[in-house]
Protein backbone atom coordinates (compact mmCIF):
# COMPACT_ATOMS: atom_id res chain seq x y z
CA MET A 1 6.28 121.35 31.70
CA LEU A 2 8.31 121.89 28.63
CA ASP A 3 11.88 121.39 29.29
CA ALA A 4 14.11 123.55 27.71
CA ARG A 5 16.92 121.17 27.27
CA LEU A 6 14.82 119.48 24.64
CA LEU A 7 16.48 121.94 22.15
CA TRP A 8 19.44 120.94 22.28
CA LYS A 9 19.31 117.13 23.41
CA ALA A 10 18.82 114.29 21.10
CA PRO A 11 15.11 113.52 20.94
CA ASP A 12 13.47 110.38 22.03
CA VAL A 13 11.95 108.88 18.80
CA ASN A 14 9.54 106.49 17.78
CA PRO A 15 10.86 102.64 17.66
CA VAL A 16 9.28 101.55 14.08
CA ASN A 17 9.81 104.87 12.24
CA HIS A 18 12.63 106.78 13.90
CA LYS A 19 10.63 110.05 14.07
CA ALA A 20 11.80 111.98 17.01
CA ARG A 21 9.22 113.02 19.50
CA SER A 22 10.85 116.86 20.53
CA ILE A 23 12.34 118.84 18.48
CA PRO A 24 16.51 119.99 19.25
CA ALA A 25 16.18 123.38 17.10
CA LEU A 26 19.38 124.36 18.58
CA ASN A 27 21.40 121.57 18.10
CA PRO A 28 22.21 120.81 13.97
CA ALA A 29 24.69 118.81 15.07
CA ASN A 30 22.00 116.55 15.71
CA VAL A 31 20.15 114.90 12.78
CA TYR A 32 17.02 115.94 13.14
CA GLY A 33 18.04 119.50 14.70
CA ARG A 34 19.81 119.65 10.91
CA VAL A 35 17.13 118.61 9.13
CA PHE A 36 14.60 121.36 11.16
CA THR A 37 17.03 123.95 10.24
CA PHE A 38 17.57 123.18 6.60
CA ALA A 39 13.35 123.17 5.79
CA TRP A 40 13.03 126.35 7.44
CA PHE A 41 15.91 128.12 6.57
CA GLY A 42 15.51 126.21 2.54
CA PHE A 43 11.58 127.81 2.78
CA MET A 44 12.34 130.56 4.07
CA VAL A 45 14.19 132.01 1.51
CA ALA A 46 12.82 130.37 -1.10
CA PHE A 47 9.64 132.87 0.13
CA MET A 48 12.43 135.61 0.61
CA SER A 49 13.08 135.27 -3.15
CA TRP A 50 9.58 134.67 -4.34
CA TYR A 51 8.23 138.00 -3.46
CA ALA A 52 11.41 139.88 -3.62
CA PHE A 53 9.61 142.07 -6.76
CA PRO A 54 6.51 143.49 -4.65
CA PRO A 55 8.96 145.34 -1.94
CA LEU A 56 10.25 147.18 -5.04
CA LEU A 57 7.58 146.82 -7.78
CA SER A 58 4.74 149.73 -7.14
CA ILE A 59 7.64 152.56 -7.44
CA THR A 60 10.78 151.88 -8.48
CA ILE A 61 9.92 148.86 -10.89
CA ALA A 62 6.89 150.16 -12.47
CA LYS A 63 8.61 153.61 -13.47
CA ASP A 64 11.41 151.88 -15.03
CA LEU A 65 9.25 149.47 -16.90
CA LYS A 66 6.32 151.84 -17.67
CA LEU A 67 3.78 149.33 -15.79
CA ARG A 68 0.18 150.16 -15.30
CA GLN A 69 -1.84 149.15 -12.00
CA VAL A 70 -3.27 146.07 -14.10
CA ASP A 71 0.49 144.95 -14.91
CA ILE A 72 1.25 144.98 -11.73
CA ALA A 73 -1.48 142.86 -10.50
CA ASN A 74 -1.44 140.87 -13.30
CA SER A 75 2.01 140.19 -12.11
CA ASN A 76 1.60 138.82 -8.44
CA ILE A 77 -1.19 137.00 -10.36
CA ILE A 78 1.18 134.91 -12.38
CA ALA A 79 3.82 133.94 -9.53
CA LEU A 80 0.90 132.24 -7.83
CA VAL A 81 -0.18 130.36 -10.99
CA ALA A 82 3.20 128.99 -11.06
CA THR A 83 3.44 128.31 -7.83
CA LEU A 84 -0.41 126.41 -7.89
CA LEU A 85 1.33 124.16 -10.65
CA VAL A 86 4.12 123.13 -8.92
CA ARG A 87 2.65 122.27 -5.71
CA LEU A 88 0.75 119.97 -7.55
CA VAL A 89 3.51 118.23 -8.76
CA ALA A 90 5.75 118.33 -5.79
CA GLY A 91 3.30 116.64 -3.68
CA PRO A 92 3.49 113.23 -6.06
CA ALA A 93 7.34 113.98 -6.46
CA CYS A 94 7.97 113.97 -3.09
CA ASP A 95 6.13 110.53 -2.33
CA ARG A 96 8.25 109.15 -5.38
CA PHE A 97 11.95 110.95 -5.34
CA GLY A 98 11.30 112.01 -1.55
CA PRO A 99 11.08 115.06 -0.21
CA ARG A 100 14.83 116.37 0.01
CA TYR A 101 15.55 116.08 -3.56
CA THR A 102 12.11 117.18 -4.82
CA PHE A 103 13.20 120.46 -2.73
CA ALA A 104 16.40 120.82 -3.61
CA ALA A 105 15.32 120.52 -6.98
CA CYS A 106 12.66 123.33 -6.44
CA LEU A 107 14.96 125.49 -5.35
CA LEU A 108 17.96 125.57 -7.67
CA ALA A 109 15.17 125.42 -11.10
CA GLY A 110 13.69 128.61 -9.06
CA ALA A 111 16.87 130.08 -8.32
CA ILE A 112 17.93 130.67 -12.27
CA PRO A 113 15.19 132.52 -13.12
CA THR A 114 16.03 134.94 -10.14
CA ALA A 115 19.46 135.65 -11.60
CA LEU A 116 17.67 136.61 -14.91
CA ALA A 117 15.82 139.40 -13.21
CA GLY A 118 18.42 141.71 -14.48
CA ALA A 119 17.53 141.03 -18.27
CA VAL A 120 13.71 142.06 -18.12
CA THR A 121 12.73 144.80 -20.01
CA THR A 122 9.10 144.60 -21.06
CA VAL A 123 5.97 143.80 -19.11
CA ARG A 124 5.92 140.51 -20.86
CA GLY A 125 9.43 139.57 -19.95
CA LEU A 126 8.13 140.75 -16.46
CA LEU A 127 5.64 137.82 -16.36
CA ALA A 128 7.08 135.33 -17.57
CA LEU A 129 10.38 135.67 -14.86
CA ARG A 130 7.76 136.11 -12.45
CA PHE A 131 6.23 132.94 -13.35
CA PHE A 132 9.17 130.94 -13.46
CA ILE A 133 10.58 132.63 -10.04
CA GLY A 134 6.72 131.45 -8.63
CA ILE A 135 8.61 127.40 -8.70
CA LEU A 136 10.03 128.45 -5.67
CA GLY A 137 6.55 128.97 -3.94
CA GLY A 138 6.81 124.79 -4.63
CA THR A 139 9.44 124.17 -1.81
CA PHE A 140 6.62 124.42 1.12
CA VAL A 141 5.17 121.62 0.01
CA PRO A 142 8.53 119.20 0.41
CA CYS A 143 9.41 121.51 3.32
CA GLN A 144 6.57 120.10 4.81
CA VAL A 145 6.45 116.50 3.95
CA TRP A 146 10.58 116.75 4.75
CA SER A 147 9.29 117.88 8.59
CA THR A 148 6.73 115.29 8.51
CA GLY A 149 9.06 112.63 8.23
CA PHE A 150 11.48 113.25 11.14
CA PHE A 151 8.94 114.29 13.61
CA ASP A 152 6.13 112.17 15.41
CA LYS A 153 2.69 112.87 16.04
CA ASN A 154 3.33 114.64 19.07
CA ILE A 155 5.05 117.72 17.71
CA VAL A 156 4.72 117.51 14.17
CA GLY A 157 1.90 120.20 14.63
CA SER A 158 4.55 122.31 16.23
CA SER A 159 7.46 121.04 13.67
CA ASN A 160 5.69 122.10 10.75
CA ALA A 161 4.28 125.35 12.02
CA PHE A 162 7.71 126.14 12.66
CA THR A 163 9.67 125.36 9.60
CA ALA A 164 6.35 126.93 7.33
CA GLY A 165 6.24 129.77 9.87
CA ILE A 166 9.94 130.75 9.58
CA GLY A 167 9.65 130.29 6.05
CA ASN A 168 6.91 132.81 5.63
CA ALA A 169 8.61 135.05 7.15
CA GLY A 170 10.98 135.56 4.48
CA GLY A 171 7.67 137.51 2.95
CA GLY A 172 8.21 139.79 5.64
CA ILE A 173 12.33 140.30 5.49
CA THR A 174 12.01 140.46 1.80
CA TYR A 175 9.95 143.63 2.44
CA PHE A 176 13.50 144.84 4.77
CA LEU A 177 16.02 143.50 2.30
CA MET A 178 15.24 144.29 -0.86
CA PRO A 179 14.76 148.11 -0.50
CA ALA A 180 17.81 148.17 2.19
CA VAL A 181 20.33 146.22 -1.02
CA PHE A 182 18.33 148.67 -3.56
CA ASP A 183 19.01 152.22 -1.45
CA SER A 184 22.71 150.67 -0.39
CA LEU A 185 23.23 150.22 -4.31
CA VAL A 186 21.99 153.65 -5.30
CA HIS A 187 23.69 155.77 -2.49
CA ASN A 188 26.91 154.00 -1.44
CA GLN A 189 27.44 152.14 -4.98
CA HIS A 190 25.74 155.45 -6.95
CA LEU A 191 24.12 152.82 -9.47
CA SER A 192 21.36 154.32 -11.13
CA ALA A 193 17.85 152.91 -10.17
CA HIS A 194 17.59 151.24 -13.46
CA VAL A 195 20.80 149.09 -12.96
CA ALA A 196 20.55 149.51 -9.03
CA TRP A 197 16.80 146.91 -8.45
CA ARG A 198 18.27 144.20 -11.19
CA VAL A 199 21.47 143.91 -8.93
CA THR A 200 19.54 143.09 -5.93
CA PHE A 201 18.21 140.15 -7.09
CA ILE A 202 21.66 138.32 -7.11
CA VAL A 203 21.48 138.54 -3.66
CA PRO A 204 18.75 135.88 -3.14
CA PHE A 205 20.06 134.06 -5.91
CA ILE A 206 23.84 132.96 -4.34
CA ILE A 207 21.63 132.30 -0.77
CA ILE A 208 19.18 129.91 -2.98
CA THR A 209 21.95 128.10 -4.27
CA ALA A 210 24.41 127.38 -1.81
CA THR A 211 21.12 126.47 0.53
CA ALA A 212 20.03 123.84 -1.98
CA ILE A 213 23.93 122.47 -2.19
CA GLY A 214 23.78 122.49 1.20
CA MET A 215 21.13 120.51 1.85
CA LEU A 216 21.90 117.80 -0.96
CA ILE A 217 25.07 116.73 1.26
CA PHE A 218 24.47 117.30 4.91
CA CYS A 219 20.96 116.13 5.78
CA PRO A 220 19.27 112.41 4.64
CA ASP A 221 15.97 111.50 3.00
CA THR A 222 14.41 109.99 5.86
CA PRO A 223 15.52 109.22 10.28
CA THR A 224 16.68 105.69 8.79
CA GLY A 225 18.62 106.20 5.74
CA SER A 226 18.14 106.35 2.06
CA TRP A 227 13.78 106.83 0.77
CA SER A 228 13.88 103.98 -1.71
CA ASP A 229 14.73 101.55 1.04
CA ARG A 230 12.56 103.32 3.63
CA HIS A 231 9.68 100.15 3.11
CA LEU A 232 12.98 97.68 4.40
CA HIS A 233 13.49 100.14 7.13
CA ALA A 234 9.98 99.98 8.48
CA GLN A 235 10.03 96.06 8.34
CA GLN A 236 13.61 95.46 10.09
CA ASN A 237 12.53 97.92 12.57
CA LEU A 238 9.16 95.48 13.83
CA ALA A 239 11.82 92.52 13.33
CA SER A 240 13.94 94.05 16.00
CA HIS A 241 11.43 94.51 18.33
CA ARG A 242 10.48 91.09 17.61
CA VAL A 243 6.90 92.22 16.26
CA THR A 244 5.26 89.52 14.48
CA SER A 245 4.13 91.68 11.71
CA ASP A 246 2.77 90.71 7.37
CA VAL A 247 2.06 94.70 7.06
CA VAL A 248 4.71 96.19 5.23
CA THR A 249 4.52 95.74 1.65
CA VAL A 250 8.24 95.69 0.20
CA PRO A 251 7.98 96.74 -3.55
CA GLU A 252 9.40 94.39 -6.07
CA GLN A 253 13.18 96.43 -6.78
CA LEU A 254 13.95 96.10 -3.15
CA GLU A 255 13.83 92.52 -2.73
CA GLY A 256 17.10 91.50 -1.45
CA GLN A 257 18.34 94.14 -0.46
CA THR A 258 19.24 94.41 3.85
CA PRO A 259 20.38 98.35 4.23
CA SER A 260 21.68 98.59 7.53
CA PRO A 261 22.46 102.15 7.97
CA LYS A 262 25.27 103.85 10.60
CA GLY A 263 23.20 103.40 14.27
CA PHE A 264 20.58 101.25 13.18
CA HIS A 265 19.50 98.31 15.28
CA SER A 266 18.36 95.85 12.66
CA ALA A 267 17.86 91.79 12.81
CA SER A 268 20.83 90.08 12.19
CA HIS A 269 19.37 88.61 9.11
CA ILE A 270 16.18 90.21 6.86
CA SER A 271 14.08 87.73 4.60
CA THR A 272 13.43 88.62 1.32
CA ASP A 273 10.15 88.05 0.71
CA LYS A 274 7.45 90.64 0.25
CA LYS A 275 5.86 90.48 3.56
CA ILE A 276 7.35 89.00 6.41
CA ASP A 277 6.42 86.78 9.51
CA TYR A 278 9.47 87.70 12.04
CA TYR A 279 10.11 85.16 14.53
CA GLY A 280 6.65 83.55 14.19
CA ALA A 281 3.66 83.88 16.11
CA GLY A 282 2.97 85.00 19.87
CA LYS A 283 6.15 85.55 20.79
CA GLU A 284 7.74 88.70 23.22
CA ARG A 285 8.66 91.41 22.31
CA THR A 286 12.17 91.82 23.87
CA GLY A 287 15.22 94.63 23.93
CA SER A 288 15.20 98.25 24.61
CA TYR A 289 17.14 100.87 22.44
CA ALA A 290 18.65 104.20 22.88
CA HIS A 291 16.26 107.25 22.85
CA GLU A 292 13.44 104.74 21.74
CA THR A 293 10.12 105.46 23.15
CA PRO A 294 8.34 102.31 24.03
CA ILE A 295 5.01 101.86 22.81
CA SER A 296 2.57 98.87 22.11
CA GLU A 297 3.17 96.04 19.87
CA GLN A 298 -0.47 96.93 17.97
CA ALA A 299 0.64 100.73 18.01
CA MET A 300 3.74 99.33 15.96
CA ILE A 301 1.97 97.48 13.47
CA GLU A 302 -0.60 100.24 12.96
CA ILE A 303 2.32 102.78 12.12
CA ALA A 304 3.81 100.48 10.04
CA ARG A 305 0.56 99.66 8.18
CA GLY A 306 -0.84 103.24 7.77
CA GLU A 307 2.31 105.83 8.14
CA VAL A 308 5.09 104.25 5.75
CA ILE A 309 4.75 106.14 2.50
CA VAL A 310 3.83 104.72 -0.78
CA LYS A 311 4.00 105.27 -4.18
CA PRO A 312 0.52 106.04 -5.26
CA THR A 313 -0.94 104.90 -8.32
CA PHE A 314 -3.19 107.53 -10.21
CA LYS A 315 -6.23 105.91 -8.61
CA GLU A 316 -5.34 105.92 -5.30
CA ALA A 317 -3.86 109.55 -6.02
CA MET A 318 -7.25 110.79 -7.19
CA ALA A 319 -9.15 108.92 -4.04
CA VAL A 320 -6.76 110.73 -1.69
CA THR A 321 -7.09 114.33 -3.54
CA LEU A 322 -11.36 113.71 -3.70
CA SER A 323 -12.01 112.60 0.12
CA PRO A 324 -13.93 115.24 2.15
CA GLN A 325 -11.07 115.53 4.61
CA THR A 326 -8.88 116.42 1.86
CA LEU A 327 -11.07 118.77 0.52
CA ALA A 328 -11.91 120.14 4.38
CA LEU A 329 -8.62 120.81 4.69
CA ALA A 330 -7.68 122.40 1.59
CA ALA A 331 -10.86 124.83 1.47
CA CYS A 332 -9.49 125.58 4.70
CA TYR A 333 -6.23 126.67 3.33
CA VAL A 334 -7.63 128.70 0.12
CA CYS A 335 -8.58 130.90 2.79
CA SER A 336 -5.89 131.61 5.22
CA PHE A 337 -2.85 131.05 3.05
CA GLY A 338 -4.03 132.51 0.21
CA ALA A 339 -5.67 135.50 1.89
CA GLU A 340 -1.84 135.76 3.05
CA LEU A 341 -0.08 135.59 -0.28
CA ALA A 342 -2.79 138.24 -1.55
CA ILE A 343 -2.48 140.63 1.05
CA ASN A 344 1.34 140.34 1.25
CA SER A 345 1.55 141.34 -2.89
CA ILE A 346 -0.40 144.59 -2.08
CA LEU A 347 0.14 145.42 1.23
CA GLY A 348 2.94 147.82 0.80
CA ALA A 349 0.51 149.73 -1.95
CA TYR A 350 -2.08 149.82 0.42
CA TYR A 351 -0.30 151.79 3.11
CA VAL A 352 1.26 154.13 0.50
CA LYS A 353 -2.13 154.77 -0.66
CA ASN A 354 -3.80 155.57 3.17
CA PHE A 355 -0.16 156.88 4.49
CA PRO A 356 1.38 158.45 1.32
CA LYS A 357 4.38 159.85 3.75
CA LEU A 358 5.51 156.44 4.17
CA GLN A 359 6.65 156.16 0.92
CA GLN A 360 8.12 153.06 -0.56
CA THR A 361 11.23 152.21 1.87
CA GLY A 362 8.61 152.95 4.95
CA SER A 363 5.65 151.42 3.69
CA GLY A 364 7.43 148.69 2.64
CA ARG A 365 8.92 148.06 6.55
CA TRP A 366 5.31 148.12 7.83
CA ALA A 367 4.21 145.78 5.08
CA ALA A 368 7.22 143.50 6.33
CA MET A 369 5.43 143.50 9.45
CA PHE A 370 2.74 141.63 8.64
CA GLY A 371 5.10 138.73 7.31
CA LEU A 372 7.59 138.71 9.78
CA LEU A 373 4.45 137.92 12.25
CA ASN A 374 4.65 134.52 10.97
CA PHE A 375 7.96 134.08 13.30
CA VAL A 376 5.68 133.67 16.10
CA PHE A 377 2.10 133.08 15.11
CA ARG A 378 2.24 131.02 13.01
CA PRO A 379 3.99 128.26 15.01
CA SER A 380 1.59 129.49 17.62
CA GLY A 381 -1.13 127.86 15.76
CA GLY A 382 0.96 124.19 15.87
CA ILE A 383 1.84 124.44 19.12
CA ILE A 384 -1.39 125.22 20.07
CA SER A 385 -3.28 122.26 18.29
CA ASP A 386 -0.39 120.08 19.59
CA ILE A 387 -1.66 120.83 23.18
CA ILE A 388 -5.20 120.53 22.48
CA TYR A 389 -4.70 117.01 20.98
CA ALA A 390 -2.45 115.91 23.89
CA ARG A 391 -5.76 116.85 25.68
CA SER A 392 -8.71 115.60 23.75
CA ASN A 393 -8.21 114.37 20.57
CA LEU A 394 -8.20 115.13 16.20
CA TRP A 395 -11.56 116.86 16.52
CA GLY A 396 -9.89 119.51 19.13
CA LYS A 397 -7.26 119.67 16.05
CA LYS A 398 -10.10 120.72 13.43
CA LEU A 399 -12.26 122.88 15.90
CA TRP A 400 -9.31 124.91 16.20
CA ILE A 401 -8.79 125.40 12.51
CA HIS A 402 -12.16 126.36 12.10
CA PHE A 403 -12.39 128.60 15.15
CA VAL A 404 -9.24 130.93 13.91
CA GLY A 405 -10.49 130.85 10.30
CA LEU A 406 -14.20 132.54 11.84
CA VAL A 407 -11.80 134.80 14.13
CA THR A 408 -9.56 135.93 10.93
CA GLY A 409 -12.70 136.61 8.88
CA VAL A 410 -13.93 138.85 11.54
CA PHE A 411 -10.92 140.84 11.50
CA LEU A 412 -10.86 141.29 7.69
CA ILE A 413 -14.15 142.67 7.82
CA ALA A 414 -13.35 144.73 10.23
CA ILE A 415 -10.47 146.18 8.41
CA GLY A 416 -12.51 146.88 5.30
CA VAL A 417 -15.38 148.08 6.52
CA VAL A 418 -12.85 150.62 8.71
CA ASP A 419 -10.18 151.14 5.85
CA SER A 420 -8.74 153.73 8.63
CA HIS A 421 -5.96 156.66 7.94
CA SER A 422 -5.30 155.92 11.34
CA LYS A 423 -1.38 154.51 11.58
CA ALA A 424 -2.54 153.10 15.26
CA THR A 425 -6.01 151.47 14.26
CA MET A 426 -4.41 150.23 10.86
CA PHE A 427 -1.69 148.52 12.21
CA GLY A 428 -3.47 147.24 15.43
CA LEU A 429 -6.08 145.73 13.33
CA MET A 430 -3.45 144.48 10.60
CA ALA A 431 -1.93 142.39 13.94
CA GLY A 432 -4.58 141.08 14.75
CA MET A 433 -6.07 139.41 11.97
CA ALA A 434 -2.52 138.52 11.46
CA PHE A 435 -2.30 136.38 14.50
CA PHE A 436 -5.65 134.12 13.62
CA LEU A 437 -4.73 134.22 9.78
CA GLU A 438 -1.57 132.83 9.95
CA ALA A 439 -1.98 130.41 13.07
CA GLY A 440 -4.11 128.91 11.10
CA ASN A 441 -1.71 128.20 8.75
CA GLY A 442 -0.37 126.34 11.07
CA ALA A 443 -3.56 125.00 12.42
CA ASN A 444 -3.93 123.92 9.13
CA TYR A 445 -0.56 121.68 8.63
CA SER A 446 -0.82 120.23 12.06
CA LEU A 447 -4.08 118.64 10.92
CA VAL A 448 -2.45 117.27 7.69
CA PRO A 449 -0.21 114.62 8.76
CA HIS A 450 -2.65 112.52 10.32
CA VAL A 451 -4.79 112.66 7.10
CA HIS A 452 -4.12 109.63 4.72
CA PRO A 453 -0.29 109.73 5.98
CA HIS A 454 0.46 107.16 3.83
CA ALA A 455 -0.14 109.65 0.67
CA ASN A 456 1.66 112.56 2.58
CA GLY A 457 2.67 114.17 -0.37
CA ILE A 458 -0.21 113.80 -1.78
CA ILE A 459 -2.21 115.94 0.58
CA SER A 460 0.36 118.33 1.53
CA GLY A 461 0.74 119.27 -1.90
CA VAL A 462 -3.32 119.24 -2.48
CA VAL A 463 -3.57 121.59 0.31
CA GLY A 464 -0.73 124.02 -0.23
CA ALA A 465 -1.84 124.24 -4.01
CA ALA A 466 -5.19 125.06 -2.28
CA GLY A 467 -3.47 128.03 -0.65
CA ASN A 468 -2.36 129.59 -3.67
CA LEU A 469 -5.48 128.86 -5.81
CA GLY A 470 -6.85 130.79 -2.58
CA GLY A 471 -4.11 133.35 -3.36
CA ILE A 472 -5.33 133.62 -7.24
CA ILE A 473 -8.56 134.01 -6.64
CA PHE A 474 -8.25 136.99 -3.93
CA ALA A 475 -5.57 138.40 -6.42
CA ILE A 476 -8.05 138.62 -8.78
CA ILE A 477 -10.48 140.22 -6.56
CA PHE A 478 -8.08 142.93 -5.46
CA ARG A 479 -7.18 143.65 -9.65
CA TYR A 480 -10.88 143.93 -10.41
CA ASN A 481 -11.46 146.61 -7.63
CA GLY A 482 -8.03 149.06 -8.64
CA LYS A 483 -7.22 150.54 -5.45
CA ASN A 484 -10.69 149.95 -3.56
CA TYR A 485 -8.44 148.02 -0.94
CA GLY A 486 -10.73 148.23 2.01
CA LYS A 487 -14.10 147.01 -0.04
CA VAL A 488 -11.46 143.49 -1.24
CA PHE A 489 -10.62 142.96 2.35
CA TRP A 490 -14.16 142.72 3.59
CA ILE A 491 -14.90 140.72 0.76
CA THR A 492 -12.02 138.24 1.92
CA GLY A 493 -14.17 137.91 5.46
CA ILE A 494 -16.73 137.02 4.22
CA ILE A 495 -15.66 134.27 2.58
CA THR A 496 -13.15 132.91 4.47
CA ILE A 497 -16.75 132.99 7.06
CA VAL A 498 -18.92 130.68 5.00
CA ILE A 499 -16.61 128.44 3.70
CA ASN A 500 -14.96 127.82 7.47
CA LEU A 501 -18.57 127.01 8.69
CA SER A 502 -19.35 124.85 5.69
CA VAL A 503 -16.93 122.27 6.19
CA SER A 504 -16.83 122.66 9.92
CA TRP A 505 -19.20 119.37 9.92
CA ILE A 506 -16.70 117.11 8.31
CA ARG A 507 -14.57 114.18 9.83
CA PRO A 508 -10.98 114.88 10.80
CA ILE A 509 -9.92 111.73 9.28
CA PRO A 510 -11.69 109.23 7.11
CA LYS A 511 -13.86 106.69 9.31
CA GLY A 512 -11.72 103.37 9.65
CA GLN A 513 -8.24 104.69 8.59
CA ILE A 514 -5.23 102.83 9.96
CA GLY A 515 -2.83 104.44 11.43
CA GLY A 516 -2.45 108.87 11.74
CA GLN A 517 -4.46 108.94 15.42
């Protein structure tokens, strides 16, 4: 039975890596609750600014900059291209510098072009600006790596799904926020439309900058302290439990360091050897520590050996990237998150086409619902995945991904074939599709932390970039079909079904993998 007290009480932790076994979401005073809050809020404001253009693009900005339909489509595509590139870089950056600094760097880098939106006067300027604002989409990778680093395997599916789901909802919030700010500036401040849409972009700039600074000031890199010391912390935690281990490789530059952050229970003396046999073989583990969950020595050793993130070489990075398990997850994310990105970009225009009386503000509000459903639907995918995992194994998590993928495909085909001009039918089909599509995103990143856990940044970056690749592919299909949106929906549905069936046979994790299970 779920215990509501877990939402604010200090969580039990894994004794090796100090990852939390529950999510104190309502307790930002607790370090786990604070990191959880900054992870979802940081990604939400990034997503909000990343998709700040579409709510105003098809009418107000198009009229001001004299945009054609093809210009609007190209700007949507270019925003996704930038994010794809940033996500590929952000993954290894997380493994090298840590997710917190990578997260803040992406936010600050994306905030600058957001503030410069008012300087755009040409189509080329719009394309360049949306490319650089696309940096903000890369924040998804450090968001997920940071979340994975603070929450243990029993709950990481839910943690990743909540942080990403609430973050994705920023795409819905912006459909409310940007038209509301624009309308206020026009009607209350009496600004012209030419000036008002430009001033509107100052709002996300301020929020993004404040969030990045707060993240750096109030949050740690890992549950045990500094990112650069993570190898020593794992070794110390094993030693403090009298576990004999020769498993954690400490990088050369860390030799001789003996960090002991506040609240960390360490051995009284730490050797400077790269690999250390603590207290001799065969001695029994003793001692218990506040809030630590008891696990076996063998489990501790496997966690330390397989789940401490290492700085990858190019050869190791390519091996992780090209493994069947990584490619299978990437393929599924192409379909789920890729479709979501492309649909987010055109949904307001689709509603205006089928329901002209809604106009810009009305269609924007209905389109916002698709993104806002992420508040519930993406977390549902992760929560259900964790429940399945608790009652079965990793195959259960993987089959859940494919189930929601197949049902998503069916809904997409139905939307495209029906192409309804009835609001009840259209919005009902969209809501049904949104559940399985967004739950699929949550299910995917529920399995990601189990695959190659020593290179979580790389796999998170590759899978995340694949989502953007899917967004680009589907956006290009939309571009070449003009306003025939229904046709693209059923094409997307067929692609989704075929890809999910084609990778469903691949094992959830590599055979013989240490850790992650």
